[in-house]
Amino acid sequence: MGDGYMQLHDETRSDKPPKLRKRRRTKIELPTVATLDMRTRAGRLYRDTREAIISDLGGRDQLSRAELELVERVAGLSTRLNAADAELLSGETQSLAPGEYATLANSLGRILTILGLQRRQRDVTPTLRAYIDAKSHQGARAA
């Protein structure tokens, strides 16, 4: 491998930098719930479920981004399981196998456990600024 290898290796090396191919940039658009038409029955159920859970957890302003993401997953799983229940009860062909249904139901339960199964009270205590403004309006009306 001595001289023959080095000679072959030196002949194949080029002093020019390799040519770079221009890549076509393709824009990948991921569908999101926000871009969907929520006027369908499934869309309304999803939205109503999401908003009810947010309310149960004390309101949007009380939730972290991570909790909001979990709420989105709960709404999606709940909507899918509702559709499967409706198929079963109406005698339609099941779109989910029993194992898939159980997996989704278990996932829903785990996420709900993480979020908490008890309602949280919404903090309705006014801020100091709101309290002062309310008192000044009451004083102005009394005068």
N, C-alpha and C. Protein backbone atom coordinates (compact mmCIF):
# COMPACT_ATOMS: atom_id res chain seq x y z
N MET A 1 0.81 -1.18 0.00
CA MET A 1 0.00 0.00 0.00
C MET A 1 0.85 1.25 0.00
N GLY A 2 2.09 1.16 0.05
CA GLY A 2 2.97 2.29 0.16
C GLY A 2 2.82 3.32 -0.93
N ASP A 3 3.71 3.26 -1.99
CA ASP A 3 3.77 4.31 -2.99
C ASP A 3 2.58 4.31 -3.94
N GLY A 4 2.07 3.16 -4.28
CA GLY A 4 0.95 3.09 -5.21
C GLY A 4 -0.29 3.78 -4.64
N TYR A 5 -0.53 3.59 -3.35
CA TYR A 5 -1.70 4.20 -2.71
C TYR A 5 -1.57 5.72 -2.70
N MET A 6 -0.42 6.21 -2.29
CA MET A 6 -0.21 7.65 -2.20
C MET A 6 -0.31 8.31 -3.57
N GLN A 7 0.21 7.63 -4.60
CA GLN A 7 0.18 8.19 -5.94
C GLN A 7 -1.27 8.29 -6.43
N LEU A 8 -2.05 7.24 -6.23
CA LEU A 8 -3.45 7.23 -6.65
C LEU A 8 -4.23 8.30 -5.87
N HIS A 9 -3.98 8.40 -4.58
CA HIS A 9 -4.68 9.36 -3.75
C HIS A 9 -4.36 10.80 -4.18
N ASP A 10 -3.09 11.08 -4.50
CA ASP A 10 -2.70 12.42 -4.92
C ASP A 10 -3.31 12.79 -6.26
N GLU A 11 -3.47 11.83 -7.18
CA GLU A 11 -4.03 12.11 -8.50
C GLU A 11 -5.52 12.44 -8.43
N THR A 12 -6.23 11.89 -7.46
CA THR A 12 -7.68 12.13 -7.39
C THR A 12 -8.00 13.40 -6.62
N ARG A 13 -7.04 13.95 -5.91
CA ARG A 13 -7.31 15.16 -5.15
C ARG A 13 -7.30 16.35 -6.10
N SER A 14 -8.22 17.28 -5.89
CA SER A 14 -8.31 18.46 -6.72
C SER A 14 -8.06 19.69 -5.87
N ASP A 15 -7.42 20.67 -6.45
CA ASP A 15 -7.17 21.91 -5.72
C ASP A 15 -8.38 22.84 -5.77
N LYS A 16 -9.34 22.53 -6.65
CA LYS A 16 -10.54 23.35 -6.74
C LYS A 16 -11.53 22.95 -5.65
N PRO A 17 -12.20 23.95 -5.10
CA PRO A 17 -13.23 23.58 -4.11
C PRO A 17 -14.39 22.87 -4.82
N PRO A 18 -15.06 21.98 -4.13
CA PRO A 18 -16.18 21.27 -4.76
C PRO A 18 -17.29 22.26 -5.11
N LYS A 19 -17.96 21.96 -6.23
CA LYS A 19 -19.08 22.80 -6.64
C LYS A 19 -20.27 22.51 -5.74
N LEU A 20 -20.90 23.57 -5.32
CA LEU A 20 -22.09 23.42 -4.49
C LEU A 20 -23.32 23.51 -5.37
N ARG A 21 -24.19 22.58 -5.19
CA ARG A 21 -25.44 22.62 -5.93
C ARG A 21 -26.42 23.55 -5.22
N LYS A 22 -27.12 24.28 -6.02
CA LYS A 22 -28.16 25.13 -5.43
C LYS A 22 -29.36 24.26 -5.10
N ARG A 23 -29.80 24.40 -3.90
CA ARG A 23 -30.98 23.65 -3.49
C ARG A 23 -32.21 24.50 -3.68
N ARG A 24 -33.23 23.86 -4.14
CA ARG A 24 -34.52 24.55 -4.21
C ARG A 24 -35.12 24.55 -2.82
N ARG A 25 -35.50 25.69 -2.41
CA ARG A 25 -36.14 25.77 -1.10
C ARG A 25 -37.64 25.58 -1.29
N THR A 26 -38.13 24.60 -0.63
CA THR A 26 -39.56 24.37 -0.68
C THR A 26 -40.14 24.74 0.68
N LYS A 27 -41.20 25.46 0.63
CA LYS A 27 -41.84 25.88 1.86
C LYS A 27 -42.79 24.78 2.30
N ILE A 28 -42.54 24.29 3.48
CA ILE A 28 -43.40 23.25 4.03
C ILE A 28 -44.39 23.92 4.96
N GLU A 29 -45.64 23.78 4.65
CA GLU A 29 -46.68 24.36 5.49
C GLU A 29 -47.35 23.25 6.27
N LEU A 30 -47.20 23.33 7.55
CA LEU A 30 -47.83 22.35 8.42
C LEU A 30 -49.23 22.81 8.76
N PRO A 31 -50.19 21.93 8.60
CA PRO A 31 -51.54 22.34 8.98
C PRO A 31 -51.62 22.48 10.50
N THR A 32 -52.34 23.47 10.95
CA THR A 32 -52.55 23.65 12.38
C THR A 32 -54.04 23.81 12.64
N VAL A 33 -54.41 23.61 13.86
CA VAL A 33 -55.82 23.77 14.23
C VAL A 33 -56.28 25.19 13.94
N ALA A 34 -55.39 26.15 14.14
CA ALA A 34 -55.75 27.55 13.92
C ALA A 34 -56.11 27.84 12.46
N THR A 35 -55.61 27.04 11.53
CA THR A 35 -55.89 27.28 10.11
C THR A 35 -57.11 26.52 9.62
N LEU A 36 -57.72 25.73 10.47
CA LEU A 36 -58.85 24.91 10.04
C LEU A 36 -60.18 25.65 10.21
N ASP A 37 -61.15 25.23 9.42
CA ASP A 37 -62.50 25.76 9.52
C ASP A 37 -63.18 25.07 10.70
N MET A 38 -63.44 25.82 11.73
CA MET A 38 -64.00 25.23 12.95
C MET A 38 -65.53 25.21 12.95
N ARG A 39 -66.13 25.37 11.76
CA ARG A 39 -67.60 25.34 11.70
C ARG A 39 -68.14 23.93 11.59
N THR A 40 -67.29 22.94 11.38
CA THR A 40 -67.76 21.56 11.32
C THR A 40 -68.17 21.12 12.72
N ARG A 41 -68.93 20.03 12.81
CA ARG A 41 -69.31 19.52 14.13
C ARG A 41 -68.08 19.15 14.95
N ALA A 42 -67.12 18.50 14.29
CA ALA A 42 -65.89 18.12 14.99
C ALA A 42 -65.13 19.37 15.43
N GLY A 43 -65.09 20.38 14.60
CA GLY A 43 -64.40 21.62 14.94
C GLY A 43 -65.04 22.32 16.12
N ARG A 44 -66.37 22.36 16.11
CA ARG A 44 -67.07 23.00 17.23
C ARG A 44 -66.87 22.21 18.52
N LEU A 45 -66.92 20.87 18.43
CA LEU A 45 -66.70 20.04 19.61
C LEU A 45 -65.29 20.24 20.16
N TYR A 46 -64.32 20.28 19.26
CA TYR A 46 -62.93 20.51 19.66
C TYR A 46 -62.81 21.85 20.38
N ARG A 47 -63.33 22.90 19.76
CA ARG A 47 -63.24 24.24 20.33
C ARG A 47 -63.97 24.32 21.68
N ASP A 48 -65.17 23.76 21.74
CA ASP A 48 -65.94 23.81 22.98
C ASP A 48 -65.24 23.04 24.10
N THR A 49 -64.68 21.89 23.76
CA THR A 49 -63.94 21.09 24.76
C THR A 49 -62.73 21.87 25.25
N ARG A 50 -61.98 22.43 24.32
CA ARG A 50 -60.78 23.20 24.68
C ARG A 50 -61.15 24.37 25.61
N GLU A 51 -62.17 25.13 25.24
CA GLU A 51 -62.54 26.29 26.04
C GLU A 51 -63.09 25.90 27.40
N ALA A 52 -63.83 24.80 27.49
CA ALA A 52 -64.36 24.34 28.77
C ALA A 52 -63.23 23.91 29.70
N ILE A 53 -62.24 23.24 29.15
CA ILE A 53 -61.11 22.80 29.99
C ILE A 53 -60.29 24.01 30.44
N ILE A 54 -60.07 24.95 29.54
CA ILE A 54 -59.34 26.17 29.92
C ILE A 54 -60.08 26.89 31.04
N SER A 55 -61.40 26.96 30.94
CA SER A 55 -62.20 27.58 32.00
C SER A 55 -62.08 26.81 33.31
N ASP A 56 -62.14 25.47 33.23
CA ASP A 56 -62.00 24.64 34.42
C ASP A 56 -60.65 24.83 35.10
N LEU A 57 -59.64 25.17 34.31
CA LEU A 57 -58.29 25.33 34.86
C LEU A 57 -58.01 26.76 35.31
N GLY A 58 -59.04 27.59 35.35
CA GLY A 58 -58.87 28.94 35.88
C GLY A 58 -58.72 30.02 34.84
N GLY A 59 -58.82 29.69 33.57
CA GLY A 59 -58.71 30.70 32.52
C GLY A 59 -57.37 30.66 31.81
N ARG A 60 -57.39 31.15 30.58
CA ARG A 60 -56.19 31.13 29.72
C ARG A 60 -55.01 31.84 30.37
N ASP A 61 -55.29 32.95 31.06
CA ASP A 61 -54.19 33.72 31.64
C ASP A 61 -53.53 33.02 32.82
N GLN A 62 -54.13 31.97 33.33
CA GLN A 62 -53.56 31.21 34.44
C GLN A 62 -52.74 30.01 33.99
N LEU A 63 -52.72 29.74 32.68
CA LEU A 63 -52.07 28.54 32.16
C LEU A 63 -50.74 28.88 31.50
N SER A 64 -49.78 27.99 31.70
CA SER A 64 -48.49 28.12 31.01
C SER A 64 -48.66 27.64 29.57
N ARG A 65 -47.68 27.91 28.76
CA ARG A 65 -47.70 27.45 27.37
C ARG A 65 -47.76 25.92 27.31
N ALA A 66 -47.04 25.28 28.20
CA ALA A 66 -47.04 23.81 28.23
C ALA A 66 -48.43 23.28 28.58
N GLU A 67 -49.09 23.93 29.55
CA GLU A 67 -50.44 23.50 29.91
C GLU A 67 -51.41 23.71 28.76
N LEU A 68 -51.26 24.83 28.04
CA LEU A 68 -52.12 25.07 26.88
C LEU A 68 -51.91 24.00 25.81
N GLU A 69 -50.66 23.57 25.61
CA GLU A 69 -50.39 22.50 24.65
C GLU A 69 -51.09 21.21 25.09
N LEU A 70 -51.04 20.91 26.38
CA LEU A 70 -51.72 19.71 26.88
C LEU A 70 -53.23 19.83 26.70
N VAL A 71 -53.77 21.02 26.90
CA VAL A 71 -55.21 21.24 26.69
C VAL A 71 -55.57 20.96 25.23
N GLU A 72 -54.72 21.40 24.30
CA GLU A 72 -54.96 21.13 22.87
C GLU A 72 -54.99 19.62 22.61
N ARG A 73 -54.07 18.88 23.22
CA ARG A 73 -54.04 17.43 23.03
C ARG A 73 -55.31 16.79 23.61
N VAL A 74 -55.73 17.26 24.77
CA VAL A 74 -56.95 16.74 25.38
C VAL A 74 -58.15 16.98 24.46
N ALA A 75 -58.24 18.18 23.91
CA ALA A 75 -59.37 18.49 23.03
C ALA A 75 -59.35 17.60 21.80
N GLY A 76 -58.18 17.37 21.23
CA GLY A 76 -58.08 16.50 20.05
C GLY A 76 -58.43 15.06 20.37
N LEU A 77 -57.87 14.52 21.45
CA LEU A 77 -58.17 13.15 21.83
C LEU A 77 -59.64 12.98 22.18
N SER A 78 -60.17 13.94 22.90
CA SER A 78 -61.58 13.87 23.29
C SER A 78 -62.49 13.89 22.06
N THR A 79 -62.16 14.75 21.10
CA THR A 79 -62.96 14.83 19.87
C THR A 79 -62.90 13.51 19.11
N ARG A 80 -61.71 12.94 19.01
CA ARG A 80 -61.55 11.67 18.28
C ARG A 80 -62.29 10.54 18.98
N LEU A 81 -62.19 10.49 20.29
CA LEU A 81 -62.88 9.44 21.04
C LEU A 81 -64.40 9.63 20.98
N ASN A 82 -64.86 10.86 20.98
CA ASN A 82 -66.29 11.14 20.82
C ASN A 82 -66.80 10.61 19.49
N ALA A 83 -66.02 10.84 18.44
CA ALA A 83 -66.41 10.35 17.11
C ALA A 83 -66.47 8.82 17.10
N ALA A 84 -65.51 8.18 17.75
CA ALA A 84 -65.52 6.72 17.82
C ALA A 84 -66.73 6.21 18.61
N ASP A 85 -67.06 6.91 19.69
CA ASP A 85 -68.25 6.53 20.47
C ASP A 85 -69.51 6.66 19.62
N ALA A 86 -69.61 7.74 18.86
CA ALA A 86 -70.79 7.95 18.01
C ALA A 86 -70.88 6.85 16.95
N GLU A 87 -69.76 6.45 16.38
CA GLU A 87 -69.76 5.35 15.40
C GLU A 87 -70.28 4.07 16.04
N LEU A 88 -69.80 3.78 17.22
CA LEU A 88 -70.21 2.56 17.92
C LEU A 88 -71.70 2.58 18.22
N LEU A 89 -72.17 3.70 18.75
CA LEU A 89 -73.57 3.77 19.16
C LEU A 89 -74.54 3.83 17.98
N SER A 90 -74.07 4.31 16.83
CA SER A 90 -74.95 4.36 15.67
C SER A 90 -74.86 3.10 14.81
N GLY A 91 -74.00 2.17 15.19
CA GLY A 91 -73.86 0.92 14.46
C GLY A 91 -72.99 1.01 13.23
N GLU A 92 -72.28 2.11 13.06
CA GLU A 92 -71.38 2.27 11.92
C GLU A 92 -70.12 1.42 12.10
N THR A 93 -69.42 1.24 11.00
CA THR A 93 -68.14 0.54 11.06
C THR A 93 -67.17 1.35 11.90
N GLN A 94 -66.47 0.67 12.78
CA GLN A 94 -65.54 1.33 13.67
C GLN A 94 -64.26 1.74 12.95
N SER A 95 -63.89 3.00 13.05
CA SER A 95 -62.66 3.48 12.41
C SER A 95 -61.45 3.24 13.31
N LEU A 96 -61.70 2.95 14.58
CA LEU A 96 -60.61 2.63 15.51
C LEU A 96 -60.75 1.20 15.99
N ALA A 97 -59.64 0.49 15.98
CA ALA A 97 -59.63 -0.85 16.57
C ALA A 97 -59.74 -0.70 18.08
N PRO A 98 -60.22 -1.71 18.76
CA PRO A 98 -60.36 -1.60 20.22
C PRO A 98 -59.05 -1.23 20.91
N GLY A 99 -57.93 -1.74 20.44
CA GLY A 99 -56.64 -1.41 21.04
C GLY A 99 -56.27 0.05 20.83
N GLU A 100 -56.59 0.58 19.65
CA GLU A 100 -56.32 1.99 19.37
C GLU A 100 -57.19 2.89 20.25
N TYR A 101 -58.46 2.49 20.39
CA TYR A 101 -59.37 3.24 21.24
C TYR A 101 -58.85 3.28 22.68
N ALA A 102 -58.43 2.11 23.18
CA ALA A 102 -57.91 2.03 24.55
C ALA A 102 -56.65 2.89 24.71
N THR A 103 -55.79 2.88 23.71
CA THR A 103 -54.56 3.68 23.77
C THR A 103 -54.90 5.17 23.84
N LEU A 104 -55.84 5.62 23.00
CA LEU A 104 -56.23 7.03 23.02
C LEU A 104 -56.90 7.40 24.34
N ALA A 105 -57.77 6.52 24.84
CA ALA A 105 -58.45 6.79 26.10
C ALA A 105 -57.45 6.85 27.26
N ASN A 106 -56.47 5.96 27.25
CA ASN A 106 -55.44 5.99 28.30
C ASN A 106 -54.58 7.25 28.21
N SER A 107 -54.26 7.65 27.00
CA SER A 107 -53.49 8.88 26.81
C SER A 107 -54.27 10.09 27.32
N LEU A 108 -55.55 10.12 27.00
CA LEU A 108 -56.41 11.20 27.47
C LEU A 108 -56.42 11.25 29.00
N GLY A 109 -56.58 10.10 29.62
CA GLY A 109 -56.59 10.04 31.08
C GLY A 109 -55.28 10.51 31.69
N ARG A 110 -54.17 10.13 31.09
CA ARG A 110 -52.86 10.55 31.63
C ARG A 110 -52.69 12.06 31.53
N ILE A 111 -53.07 12.62 30.38
CA ILE A 111 -52.92 14.07 30.21
C ILE A 111 -53.84 14.82 31.16
N LEU A 112 -55.07 14.33 31.31
CA LEU A 112 -55.99 14.99 32.25
C LEU A 112 -55.46 14.91 33.68
N THR A 113 -54.81 13.81 34.03
CA THR A 113 -54.22 13.67 35.36
C THR A 113 -53.09 14.68 35.55
N ILE A 114 -52.29 14.88 34.52
CA ILE A 114 -51.21 15.86 34.58
C ILE A 114 -51.79 17.26 34.79
N LEU A 115 -52.84 17.59 34.04
CA LEU A 115 -53.46 18.92 34.15
C LEU A 115 -54.19 19.10 35.47
N GLY A 116 -54.71 18.02 35.99
CA GLY A 116 -55.48 18.09 37.23
C GLY A 116 -56.95 17.87 36.92
N LEU A 117 -57.58 17.06 37.71
CA LEU A 117 -58.98 16.71 37.46
C LEU A 117 -59.95 17.61 38.22
N GLN A 118 -59.44 18.45 39.09
CA GLN A 118 -60.30 19.34 39.86
C GLN A 118 -60.34 20.71 39.21
N ARG A 119 -61.49 21.36 39.33
CA ARG A 119 -61.62 22.73 38.83
C ARG A 119 -60.76 23.66 39.68
N ARG A 120 -60.18 24.64 39.02
CA ARG A 120 -59.41 25.67 39.73
C ARG A 120 -60.24 26.94 39.76
N GLN A 121 -60.20 27.61 40.90
CA GLN A 121 -60.94 28.86 40.99
C GLN A 121 -60.22 29.94 40.20
N ARG A 122 -61.00 30.70 39.52
CA ARG A 122 -60.46 31.85 38.80
C ARG A 122 -60.20 32.97 39.80
N ASP A 123 -59.05 33.59 39.68
CA ASP A 123 -58.72 34.70 40.57
C ASP A 123 -59.46 35.94 40.08
N VAL A 124 -60.42 36.40 40.89
CA VAL A 124 -61.21 37.57 40.51
C VAL A 124 -60.83 38.79 41.36
N THR A 125 -59.76 38.66 42.13
CA THR A 125 -59.30 39.77 42.93
C THR A 125 -58.82 40.88 42.00
N PRO A 126 -59.37 42.09 42.16
CA PRO A 126 -58.95 43.17 41.26
C PRO A 126 -57.51 43.60 41.57
N THR A 127 -56.84 44.09 40.57
CA THR A 127 -55.52 44.66 40.78
C THR A 127 -55.67 45.94 41.59
N LEU A 128 -54.60 46.42 42.14
CA LEU A 128 -54.64 47.66 42.92
C LEU A 128 -55.14 48.81 42.05
N ARG A 129 -54.68 48.89 40.81
CA ARG A 129 -55.09 49.95 39.89
C ARG A 129 -56.60 49.87 39.64
N ALA A 130 -57.12 48.66 39.41
CA ALA A 130 -58.56 48.50 39.15
C ALA A 130 -59.37 48.89 40.38
N TYR A 131 -58.87 48.55 41.57
CA TYR A 131 -59.57 48.90 42.81
C TYR A 131 -59.62 50.42 43.00
N ILE A 132 -58.49 51.07 42.79
CA ILE A 132 -58.43 52.54 42.94
C ILE A 132 -59.35 53.21 41.92
N ASP A 133 -59.33 52.74 40.67
CA ASP A 133 -60.19 53.31 39.64
C ASP A 133 -61.66 53.14 39.99
N ALA A 134 -62.03 51.96 40.51
CA ALA A 134 -63.41 51.71 40.88
C ALA A 134 -63.84 52.63 42.02
N LYS A 135 -62.97 52.81 43.00
CA LYS A 135 -63.29 53.69 44.13
C LYS A 135 -63.42 55.14 43.68
N SER A 136 -62.55 55.56 42.77
CA SER A 136 -62.62 56.95 42.31
C SER A 136 -63.90 57.18 41.49
N HIS A 137 -64.35 56.17 40.75
CA HIS A 137 -65.61 56.30 40.00
C HIS A 137 -66.80 56.34 40.94
N GLN A 138 -66.74 55.55 42.04
CA GLN A 138 -67.83 55.58 43.02
C GLN A 138 -67.90 56.94 43.70
N GLY A 139 -66.75 57.50 44.03
CA GLY A 139 -66.71 58.83 44.66
C GLY A 139 -67.23 59.90 43.74
N ALA A 140 -66.93 59.79 42.44
CA ALA A 140 -67.39 60.78 41.47
C ALA A 140 -68.91 60.69 41.31
N ARG A 141 -69.47 59.50 41.37
CA ARG A 141 -70.91 59.34 41.23
C ARG A 141 -71.64 59.84 42.45
N ALA A 142 -71.04 59.68 43.63
CA ALA A 142 -71.68 60.10 44.87
C ALA A 142 -71.71 61.63 44.99
N ALA A 143 -70.76 62.29 44.35
CA ALA A 143 -70.67 63.75 44.46
C ALA A 143 -71.64 64.48 43.57
